[in-house]
Amino acid sequence: MREILSDLDRWQRQGKRVALARVVDVEGSGPRLPGAAMAVNEDGEVAGSVSGGCVEGAVVHEALECLENNARKLVTFGYSDDEAFAVGLTCGGTIHLFLEPLDW
């Protein structure tokens, strides 16, 4: 989380809307541990990582959807998930992410 604080601070000063994605659980082998975070602003700029790069594109899409709908959601990516496999989550595990718009 600390790795994204400077970006969050800058985006807040700029008045940007931001969604935060956090790893809340990992089953089996996962690229990042619970607590890993990624922030996405309304322009699609990204700070941090929840998967070391393998599902970040899909997470950006989910985060922008959270901002559009002003809603929280839990999303899961796993090896058997066709979308996750297509974007490269081949570590054999499953990651669960909680996404929410930040309320400055």
N, C-alpha and C. Protein backbone atom coordinates (compact mmCIF):
# COMPACT_ATOMS: atom_id res chain seq x y z
N MET A 1 0.83 -1.19 0.00
CA MET A 1 0.00 0.00 0.00
C MET A 1 0.88 1.25 0.00
N ARG A 2 1.97 1.23 0.72
CA ARG A 2 2.84 2.41 0.80
C ARG A 2 3.36 2.84 -0.56
N GLU A 3 3.55 1.86 -1.46
CA GLU A 3 4.11 2.17 -2.77
C GLU A 3 3.19 3.05 -3.62
N ILE A 4 1.92 3.14 -3.27
CA ILE A 4 0.99 3.94 -4.08
C ILE A 4 0.58 5.25 -3.41
N LEU A 5 1.06 5.51 -2.20
CA LEU A 5 0.63 6.69 -1.46
C LEU A 5 0.93 8.00 -2.17
N SER A 6 2.10 8.11 -2.77
CA SER A 6 2.43 9.38 -3.44
C SER A 6 1.50 9.63 -4.63
N ASP A 7 1.16 8.57 -5.37
CA ASP A 7 0.23 8.73 -6.49
C ASP A 7 -1.16 9.09 -5.97
N LEU A 8 -1.59 8.44 -4.90
CA LEU A 8 -2.90 8.77 -4.32
C LEU A 8 -2.95 10.22 -3.86
N ASP A 9 -1.89 10.67 -3.24
CA ASP A 9 -1.83 12.05 -2.78
C ASP A 9 -1.92 13.02 -3.96
N ARG A 10 -1.17 12.76 -5.01
CA ARG A 10 -1.19 13.61 -6.20
C ARG A 10 -2.56 13.63 -6.84
N TRP A 11 -3.17 12.45 -6.97
CA TRP A 11 -4.50 12.38 -7.60
C TRP A 11 -5.55 13.10 -6.76
N GLN A 12 -5.41 13.00 -5.44
CA GLN A 12 -6.35 13.71 -4.57
C GLN A 12 -6.22 15.22 -4.77
N ARG A 13 -4.98 15.72 -4.82
CA ARG A 13 -4.76 17.16 -5.06
C ARG A 13 -5.31 17.60 -6.41
N GLN A 14 -5.29 16.70 -7.40
CA GLN A 14 -5.80 17.01 -8.73
C GLN A 14 -7.32 16.84 -8.83
N GLY A 15 -7.94 16.35 -7.77
CA GLY A 15 -9.39 16.15 -7.77
C GLY A 15 -9.85 14.95 -8.58
N LYS A 16 -8.97 13.98 -8.78
CA LYS A 16 -9.30 12.78 -9.56
C LYS A 16 -10.12 11.80 -8.72
N ARG A 17 -11.03 11.14 -9.37
CA ARG A 17 -11.73 10.02 -8.74
C ARG A 17 -10.84 8.80 -8.89
N VAL A 18 -10.81 7.96 -7.83
CA VAL A 18 -9.89 6.82 -7.78
C VAL A 18 -10.60 5.59 -7.23
N ALA A 19 -10.30 4.45 -7.82
CA ALA A 19 -10.75 3.16 -7.27
C ALA A 19 -9.52 2.42 -6.76
N LEU A 20 -9.70 1.71 -5.67
CA LEU A 20 -8.63 0.94 -5.06
C LEU A 20 -8.97 -0.54 -5.14
N ALA A 21 -8.01 -1.34 -5.61
CA ALA A 21 -8.15 -2.80 -5.66
C ALA A 21 -7.14 -3.38 -4.68
N ARG A 22 -7.61 -4.29 -3.82
CA ARG A 22 -6.72 -4.92 -2.85
C ARG A 22 -6.88 -6.44 -2.89
N VAL A 23 -5.76 -7.13 -2.80
CA VAL A 23 -5.79 -8.59 -2.67
C VAL A 23 -6.30 -8.89 -1.27
N VAL A 24 -7.40 -9.65 -1.18
CA VAL A 24 -7.95 -10.00 0.12
C VAL A 24 -7.76 -11.48 0.46
N ASP A 25 -7.48 -12.30 -0.56
CA ASP A 25 -7.25 -13.72 -0.30
C ASP A 25 -6.55 -14.33 -1.50
N VAL A 26 -5.76 -15.34 -1.23
CA VAL A 26 -5.07 -16.10 -2.28
C VAL A 26 -5.27 -17.57 -1.96
N GLU A 27 -5.67 -18.33 -2.97
CA GLU A 27 -5.78 -19.79 -2.82
C GLU A 27 -4.71 -20.42 -3.69
N GLY A 28 -3.92 -21.29 -3.11
CA GLY A 28 -2.84 -21.90 -3.86
C GLY A 28 -1.72 -20.89 -4.09
N SER A 29 -1.08 -21.02 -5.23
CA SER A 29 0.02 -20.13 -5.57
C SER A 29 -0.53 -18.84 -6.16
N GLY A 30 -0.06 -17.71 -5.64
CA GLY A 30 -0.51 -16.43 -6.15
C GLY A 30 0.65 -15.49 -6.36
N PRO A 31 0.50 -14.55 -7.28
CA PRO A 31 1.60 -13.64 -7.57
C PRO A 31 1.87 -12.60 -6.49
N ARG A 32 0.85 -12.19 -5.74
CA ARG A 32 1.01 -11.19 -4.67
C ARG A 32 0.21 -11.65 -3.47
N LEU A 33 0.65 -11.26 -2.30
CA LEU A 33 -0.01 -11.65 -1.05
C LEU A 33 -1.16 -10.73 -0.70
N PRO A 34 -2.06 -11.17 0.18
CA PRO A 34 -3.12 -10.28 0.66
C PRO A 34 -2.52 -8.98 1.19
N GLY A 35 -3.19 -7.90 0.87
CA GLY A 35 -2.71 -6.57 1.23
C GLY A 35 -2.12 -5.82 0.06
N ALA A 36 -1.68 -6.54 -0.97
CA ALA A 36 -1.15 -5.86 -2.15
C ALA A 36 -2.26 -4.99 -2.73
N ALA A 37 -1.89 -3.81 -3.20
CA ALA A 37 -2.90 -2.86 -3.64
C ALA A 37 -2.52 -2.22 -4.98
N MET A 38 -3.56 -1.83 -5.68
CA MET A 38 -3.42 -1.13 -6.95
C MET A 38 -4.49 -0.06 -7.00
N ALA A 39 -4.13 1.14 -7.41
CA ALA A 39 -5.10 2.22 -7.55
C ALA A 39 -5.23 2.58 -9.02
N VAL A 40 -6.44 2.94 -9.42
CA VAL A 40 -6.72 3.33 -10.80
C VAL A 40 -7.52 4.62 -10.75
N ASN A 41 -7.03 5.66 -11.45
CA ASN A 41 -7.80 6.89 -11.44
C ASN A 41 -8.78 6.91 -12.62
N GLU A 42 -9.64 7.91 -12.65
CA GLU A 42 -10.69 7.99 -13.65
C GLU A 42 -10.16 8.07 -15.08
N ASP A 43 -8.88 8.45 -15.24
CA ASP A 43 -8.27 8.52 -16.56
C ASP A 43 -7.60 7.21 -16.96
N GLY A 44 -7.67 6.20 -16.07
CA GLY A 44 -7.06 4.90 -16.36
C GLY A 44 -5.60 4.81 -15.97
N GLU A 45 -5.08 5.82 -15.28
CA GLU A 45 -3.70 5.75 -14.79
C GLU A 45 -3.65 4.76 -13.62
N VAL A 46 -2.55 4.03 -13.52
CA VAL A 46 -2.42 2.95 -12.54
C VAL A 46 -1.22 3.18 -11.64
N ALA A 47 -1.39 2.85 -10.37
CA ALA A 47 -0.30 2.83 -9.41
C ALA A 47 -0.38 1.53 -8.64
N GLY A 48 0.75 0.86 -8.45
CA GLY A 48 0.78 -0.38 -7.70
C GLY A 48 0.48 -1.59 -8.55
N SER A 49 0.35 -2.73 -7.88
CA SER A 49 0.13 -3.99 -8.57
C SER A 49 -0.55 -4.99 -7.64
N VAL A 50 -1.48 -5.76 -8.20
CA VAL A 50 -2.12 -6.82 -7.42
C VAL A 50 -1.74 -8.20 -7.93
N SER A 51 -1.04 -8.24 -9.08
CA SER A 51 -0.72 -9.55 -9.63
C SER A 51 0.63 -9.61 -10.32
N GLY A 52 1.45 -8.62 -10.15
CA GLY A 52 2.73 -8.63 -10.82
C GLY A 52 2.60 -8.46 -12.32
N GLY A 53 1.44 -8.03 -12.78
CA GLY A 53 1.25 -7.73 -14.19
C GLY A 53 0.31 -8.65 -14.93
N CYS A 54 0.02 -9.84 -14.40
CA CYS A 54 -0.72 -10.81 -15.20
C CYS A 54 -2.21 -10.54 -15.34
N VAL A 55 -2.85 -9.87 -14.41
CA VAL A 55 -4.28 -9.56 -14.58
C VAL A 55 -4.58 -8.07 -14.45
N GLU A 56 -3.54 -7.24 -14.44
CA GLU A 56 -3.74 -5.82 -14.22
C GLU A 56 -4.71 -5.19 -15.23
N GLY A 57 -4.64 -5.57 -16.49
CA GLY A 57 -5.55 -5.01 -17.49
C GLY A 57 -7.00 -5.26 -17.15
N ALA A 58 -7.31 -6.46 -16.71
CA ALA A 58 -8.68 -6.79 -16.32
C ALA A 58 -9.08 -6.04 -15.05
N VAL A 59 -8.13 -5.84 -14.15
CA VAL A 59 -8.42 -5.11 -12.91
C VAL A 59 -8.70 -3.64 -13.21
N VAL A 60 -7.98 -3.05 -14.15
CA VAL A 60 -8.25 -1.67 -14.56
C VAL A 60 -9.68 -1.56 -15.05
N HIS A 61 -10.10 -2.49 -15.88
CA HIS A 61 -11.48 -2.50 -16.39
C HIS A 61 -12.48 -2.56 -15.23
N GLU A 62 -12.25 -3.45 -14.29
CA GLU A 62 -13.14 -3.61 -13.13
C GLU A 62 -13.14 -2.34 -12.28
N ALA A 63 -11.98 -1.73 -12.10
CA ALA A 63 -11.88 -0.52 -11.28
C ALA A 63 -12.63 0.65 -11.93
N LEU A 64 -12.49 0.80 -13.24
CA LEU A 64 -13.22 1.87 -13.92
C LEU A 64 -14.72 1.64 -13.85
N GLU A 65 -15.13 0.38 -13.88
CA GLU A 65 -16.55 0.05 -13.73
C GLU A 65 -17.03 0.43 -12.32
N CYS A 66 -16.19 0.20 -11.30
CA CYS A 66 -16.54 0.60 -9.93
C CYS A 66 -16.76 2.11 -9.86
N LEU A 67 -15.88 2.88 -10.51
CA LEU A 67 -16.02 4.33 -10.50
C LEU A 67 -17.29 4.75 -11.23
N GLU A 68 -17.56 4.12 -12.36
CA GLU A 68 -18.75 4.45 -13.15
C GLU A 68 -20.03 4.20 -12.36
N ASN A 69 -20.06 3.09 -11.62
CA ASN A 69 -21.26 2.70 -10.88
C ASN A 69 -21.23 3.12 -9.42
N ASN A 70 -20.11 3.72 -9.00
CA ASN A 70 -19.91 4.09 -7.59
C ASN A 70 -20.26 2.91 -6.68
N ALA A 71 -19.67 1.76 -6.99
CA ALA A 71 -20.00 0.53 -6.28
C ALA A 71 -18.74 -0.23 -5.88
N ARG A 72 -18.87 -1.03 -4.84
CA ARG A 72 -17.81 -1.93 -4.40
C ARG A 72 -18.08 -3.31 -4.98
N LYS A 73 -17.02 -4.08 -5.13
CA LYS A 73 -17.22 -5.46 -5.61
C LYS A 73 -16.04 -6.34 -5.26
N LEU A 74 -16.32 -7.62 -5.21
CA LEU A 74 -15.31 -8.65 -5.02
C LEU A 74 -15.16 -9.37 -6.35
N VAL A 75 -13.94 -9.48 -6.84
CA VAL A 75 -13.69 -10.19 -8.10
C VAL A 75 -12.65 -11.28 -7.85
N THR A 76 -12.73 -12.33 -8.62
CA THR A 76 -11.84 -13.47 -8.48
C THR A 76 -11.22 -13.82 -9.82
N PHE A 77 -9.94 -14.08 -9.80
CA PHE A 77 -9.23 -14.56 -10.97
C PHE A 77 -8.50 -15.83 -10.58
N GLY A 78 -8.66 -16.88 -11.39
CA GLY A 78 -7.99 -18.14 -11.09
C GLY A 78 -7.54 -18.82 -12.36
N TYR A 79 -6.72 -19.81 -12.19
CA TYR A 79 -6.15 -20.52 -13.33
C TYR A 79 -7.22 -21.10 -14.24
N SER A 80 -8.34 -21.56 -13.65
CA SER A 80 -9.39 -22.18 -14.46
C SER A 80 -10.35 -21.14 -15.04
N ASP A 81 -10.20 -19.89 -14.64
CA ASP A 81 -11.03 -18.81 -15.13
C ASP A 81 -10.54 -18.44 -16.54
N ASP A 82 -11.39 -18.61 -17.56
CA ASP A 82 -10.98 -18.35 -18.94
C ASP A 82 -10.41 -16.95 -19.12
N GLU A 83 -11.05 -15.95 -18.52
CA GLU A 83 -10.56 -14.58 -18.66
C GLU A 83 -9.19 -14.42 -18.02
N ALA A 84 -9.03 -14.96 -16.82
CA ALA A 84 -7.74 -14.85 -16.13
C ALA A 84 -6.65 -15.56 -16.92
N PHE A 85 -6.97 -16.72 -17.48
CA PHE A 85 -5.97 -17.44 -18.27
C PHE A 85 -5.61 -16.62 -19.50
N ALA A 86 -6.62 -15.99 -20.11
CA ALA A 86 -6.38 -15.20 -21.31
C ALA A 86 -5.47 -14.02 -21.01
N VAL A 87 -5.56 -13.43 -19.81
CA VAL A 87 -4.71 -12.30 -19.48
C VAL A 87 -3.43 -12.72 -18.78
N GLY A 88 -3.24 -14.01 -18.56
CA GLY A 88 -1.94 -14.48 -18.11
C GLY A 88 -1.79 -14.97 -16.69
N LEU A 89 -2.87 -15.21 -15.95
CA LEU A 89 -2.73 -15.73 -14.59
C LEU A 89 -2.52 -17.23 -14.67
N THR A 90 -1.27 -17.61 -14.83
CA THR A 90 -0.94 -19.03 -15.02
C THR A 90 -0.18 -19.60 -13.84
N CYS A 91 -0.22 -18.92 -12.69
CA CYS A 91 0.53 -19.38 -11.51
C CYS A 91 -0.11 -20.60 -10.87
N GLY A 92 -1.33 -20.93 -11.27
CA GLY A 92 -1.98 -22.10 -10.71
C GLY A 92 -2.89 -21.81 -9.54
N GLY A 93 -2.90 -20.60 -9.05
CA GLY A 93 -3.72 -20.25 -7.90
C GLY A 93 -4.90 -19.38 -8.28
N THR A 94 -5.56 -18.89 -7.25
CA THR A 94 -6.71 -18.01 -7.40
C THR A 94 -6.51 -16.80 -6.51
N ILE A 95 -6.78 -15.61 -7.05
CA ILE A 95 -6.69 -14.41 -6.24
C ILE A 95 -8.07 -13.76 -6.14
N HIS A 96 -8.37 -13.26 -4.95
CA HIS A 96 -9.63 -12.56 -4.70
C HIS A 96 -9.29 -11.11 -4.41
N LEU A 97 -9.95 -10.20 -5.12
CA LEU A 97 -9.70 -8.78 -4.98
C LEU A 97 -10.96 -8.05 -4.54
N PHE A 98 -10.78 -7.09 -3.66
CA PHE A 98 -11.89 -6.22 -3.27
C PHE A 98 -11.61 -4.86 -3.91
N LEU A 99 -12.58 -4.36 -4.68
CA LEU A 99 -12.45 -3.07 -5.33
C LEU A 99 -13.49 -2.11 -4.80
N GLU A 100 -13.04 -0.85 -4.62
CA GLU A 100 -13.98 0.16 -4.14
C GLU A 100 -13.50 1.54 -4.56
N PRO A 101 -14.46 2.44 -4.81
CA PRO A 101 -14.06 3.83 -5.07
C PRO A 101 -13.57 4.44 -3.76
N LEU A 102 -12.51 5.24 -3.84
CA LEU A 102 -12.04 5.94 -2.65
C LEU A 102 -12.93 7.14 -2.39
N ASP A 103 -13.20 7.37 -1.12
CA ASP A 103 -13.98 8.53 -0.71
C ASP A 103 -13.00 9.48 -0.02
N TRP A 104 -12.57 10.48 -0.76
CA TRP A 104 -11.60 11.42 -0.20
C TRP A 104 -12.17 12.09 1.02
